[in-house]
Amino acid sequence: MKENVIFCYSGTGNCLDMAKNIAKELGDTDIIMMRKYPAVTDVREAKRVGFVVPCYGGGLPGHVERYIHDIKVATAADSRVTLRDISTISR
């Protein structure tokens, strides 16, 4: 497993493009697609884990929300888990 992991759901390709750009900037990054149940759900060895998903009606796509509950990430006393909604990024 690589140092960084991005779980990505993309219907139109916009989120996948964003995930690829983030992965390129980070380096050493795996992108795990979530259009169906993810092939990998245990990412406790990864240093960083992120999610790139669209916002549907103010929330996550239904099945993505279910999949997230099965994903295993490492935790540490000084770690924080945050969920951010990125609707647009301007350059």
C-alpha atoms as a PDB file:
ATOM      1  CA  MET A   1       0.000   0.000   0.000  1.00  0.00           C
ATOM      2  CA  LYS A   2       1.192   3.503  -0.764  1.00  0.00           C
ATOM      3  CA  GLU A   3       1.683   6.229   1.836  1.00  0.00           C
ATOM      4  CA  ASN A   4      -1.483   8.106   0.795  1.00  0.00           C
ATOM      5  CA  VAL A   5      -4.890   6.731  -0.171  1.00  0.00           C
ATOM      6  CA  ILE A   6      -7.770   8.611  -1.783  1.00  0.00           C
ATOM      7  CA  PHE A   7     -11.212   7.012  -1.931  1.00  0.00           C
ATOM      8  CA  CYS A   8     -13.066   8.481  -4.891  1.00  0.00           C
ATOM      9  CA  TYR A   9     -16.632   8.383  -6.202  1.00  0.00           C
ATOM     10  CA  SER A  10     -17.085  10.080  -9.550  1.00  0.00           C
ATOM     11  CA  GLY A  11     -20.188   9.992 -11.726  1.00  0.00           C
ATOM     12  CA  THR A  12     -19.125  12.458 -14.428  1.00  0.00           C
ATOM     13  CA  GLY A  13     -15.351  12.350 -14.056  1.00  0.00           C
ATOM     14  CA  ASN A  14     -14.942  15.684 -12.241  1.00  0.00           C
ATOM     15  CA  CYS A  15     -14.176  14.120  -8.851  1.00  0.00           C
ATOM     16  CA  LEU A  16     -11.826  11.587 -10.444  1.00  0.00           C
ATOM     17  CA  ASP A  17      -9.959  14.435 -12.133  1.00  0.00           C
ATOM     18  CA  MET A  18      -9.685  16.213  -8.780  1.00  0.00           C
ATOM     19  CA  ALA A  19      -8.468  13.025  -7.067  1.00  0.00           C
ATOM     20  CA  LYS A  20      -5.813  12.535  -9.770  1.00  0.00           C
ATOM     21  CA  ASN A  21      -4.603  16.121  -9.334  1.00  0.00           C
ATOM     22  CA  ILE A  22      -4.369  15.700  -5.560  1.00  0.00           C
ATOM     23  CA  ALA A  23      -2.566  12.360  -5.990  1.00  0.00           C
ATOM     24  CA  LYS A  24      -0.089  13.944  -8.396  1.00  0.00           C
ATOM     25  CA  GLU A  25       0.693  16.725  -5.899  1.00  0.00           C
ATOM     26  CA  LEU A  26       1.050  14.316  -2.962  1.00  0.00           C
ATOM     27  CA  GLY A  27       2.962  11.608  -4.795  1.00  0.00           C
ATOM     28  CA  ASP A  28       2.980   7.987  -3.580  1.00  0.00           C
ATOM     29  CA  THR A  29      -0.843   7.835  -3.662  1.00  0.00           C
ATOM     30  CA  ASP A  30      -3.366   5.114  -4.470  1.00  0.00           C
ATOM     31  CA  ILE A  31      -6.838   6.076  -5.736  1.00  0.00           C
ATOM     32  CA  ILE A  32      -9.548   3.597  -4.767  1.00  0.00           C
ATOM     33  CA  MET A  33     -12.786   3.993  -6.707  1.00  0.00           C
ATOM     34  CA  MET A  34     -16.143   3.760  -4.914  1.00  0.00           C
ATOM     35  CA  ARG A  35     -18.679   3.419  -7.763  1.00  0.00           C
ATOM     36  CA  LYS A  36     -19.204  -0.059  -6.363  1.00  0.00           C
ATOM     37  CA  TYR A  37     -17.977  -1.574  -3.116  1.00  0.00           C
ATOM     38  CA  PRO A  38     -14.290  -0.611  -2.795  1.00  0.00           C
ATOM     39  CA  ALA A  39     -11.726  -3.304  -3.628  1.00  0.00           C
ATOM     40  CA  VAL A  40      -9.714  -2.268  -0.558  1.00  0.00           C
ATOM     41  CA  THR A  41     -11.286  -1.278   2.764  1.00  0.00           C
ATOM     42  CA  ASP A  42      -8.398  -1.778   5.208  1.00  0.00           C
ATOM     43  CA  VAL A  43      -6.056   1.206   4.866  1.00  0.00           C
ATOM     44  CA  ARG A  44      -4.592   1.211   8.373  1.00  0.00           C
ATOM     45  CA  GLU A  45      -1.073   1.177   6.904  1.00  0.00           C
ATOM     46  CA  ALA A  46      -1.583   4.442   5.008  1.00  0.00           C
ATOM     47  CA  LYS A  47      -0.195   7.640   6.499  1.00  0.00           C
ATOM     48  CA  ARG A  48      -2.990   9.782   5.016  1.00  0.00           C
ATOM     49  CA  VAL A  49      -6.503   8.824   3.886  1.00  0.00           C
ATOM     50  CA  GLY A  50      -8.825  11.166   2.013  1.00  0.00           C
ATOM     51  CA  PHE A  51     -12.172  11.121   0.246  1.00  0.00           C
ATOM     52  CA  VAL A  52     -13.191  12.914  -2.946  1.00  0.00           C
ATOM     53  CA  VAL A  53     -16.930  12.643  -3.568  1.00  0.00           C
ATOM     54  CA  PRO A  54     -19.660  14.891  -4.963  1.00  0.00           C
ATOM     55  CA  CYS A  55     -22.313  16.494  -2.806  1.00  0.00           C
ATOM     56  CA  TYR A  56     -25.791  15.185  -3.684  1.00  0.00           C
ATOM     57  CA  GLY A  57     -28.619  17.177  -2.161  1.00  0.00           C
ATOM     58  CA  GLY A  58     -26.449  18.341   0.703  1.00  0.00           C
ATOM     59  CA  GLY A  59     -24.912  14.945   1.475  1.00  0.00           C
ATOM     60  CA  LEU A  60     -22.981  11.967   0.210  1.00  0.00           C
ATOM     61  CA  PRO A  61     -24.286   9.600  -2.448  1.00  0.00           C
ATOM     62  CA  GLY A  62     -26.217   6.937  -0.471  1.00  0.00           C
ATOM     63  CA  HIS A  63     -24.061   3.912  -1.178  1.00  0.00           C
ATOM     64  CA  VAL A  64     -20.836   5.866  -0.544  1.00  0.00           C
ATOM     65  CA  GLU A  65     -22.082   6.667   2.950  1.00  0.00           C
ATOM     66  CA  ARG A  66     -22.659   2.930   3.538  1.00  0.00           C
ATOM     67  CA  TYR A  67     -19.204   1.995   2.192  1.00  0.00           C
ATOM     68  CA  ILE A  68     -17.432   4.521   4.437  1.00  0.00           C
ATOM     69  CA  HIS A  69     -18.618   2.631   7.518  1.00  0.00           C
ATOM     70  CA  ASP A  70     -16.623  -0.434   6.367  1.00  0.00           C
ATOM     71  CA  ILE A  71     -13.341   1.409   5.758  1.00  0.00           C
ATOM     72  CA  LYS A  72     -10.705   0.781   8.423  1.00  0.00           C
ATOM     73  CA  VAL A  73      -8.202   3.581   9.068  1.00  0.00           C
ATOM     74  CA  ALA A  74      -5.447   3.872  11.660  1.00  0.00           C
ATOM     75  CA  THR A  75      -6.047   6.261  14.522  1.00  0.00           C
ATOM     76  CA  ALA A  76      -3.625   7.888  16.911  1.00  0.00           C
ATOM     77  CA  ALA A  77      -4.046  10.022  20.007  1.00  0.00           C
ATOM     78  CA  ASP A  78      -3.070  13.152  18.084  1.00  0.00           C
ATOM     79  CA  SER A  79      -5.053  12.442  14.901  1.00  0.00           C
ATOM     80  CA  ARG A  80      -8.203  14.276  13.899  1.00  0.00           C
ATOM     81  CA  VAL A  81     -10.864  13.066  11.527  1.00  0.00           C
ATOM     82  CA  THR A  82     -12.601  15.774   9.539  1.00  0.00           C
ATOM     83  CA  LEU A  83     -15.117  15.693   6.736  1.00  0.00           C
ATOM     84  CA  ARG A  84     -15.027  18.591   4.332  1.00  0.00           C
ATOM     85  CA  ASP A  85     -17.298  19.389   1.480  1.00  0.00           C
ATOM     86  CA  ILE A  86     -15.494  20.910  -1.508  1.00  0.00           C
ATOM     87  CA  SER A  87     -18.025  22.079  -4.054  1.00  0.00           C
ATOM     88  CA  THR A  88     -15.766  24.202  -6.265  1.00  0.00           C
ATOM     89  CA  ILE A  89     -12.082  24.903  -6.605  1.00  0.00           C
ATOM     90  CA  SER A  90     -10.914  27.979  -8.489  1.00  0.00           C
ATOM     91  CA  ARG A  91      -7.430  28.415  -9.873  1.00  0.00           C
END
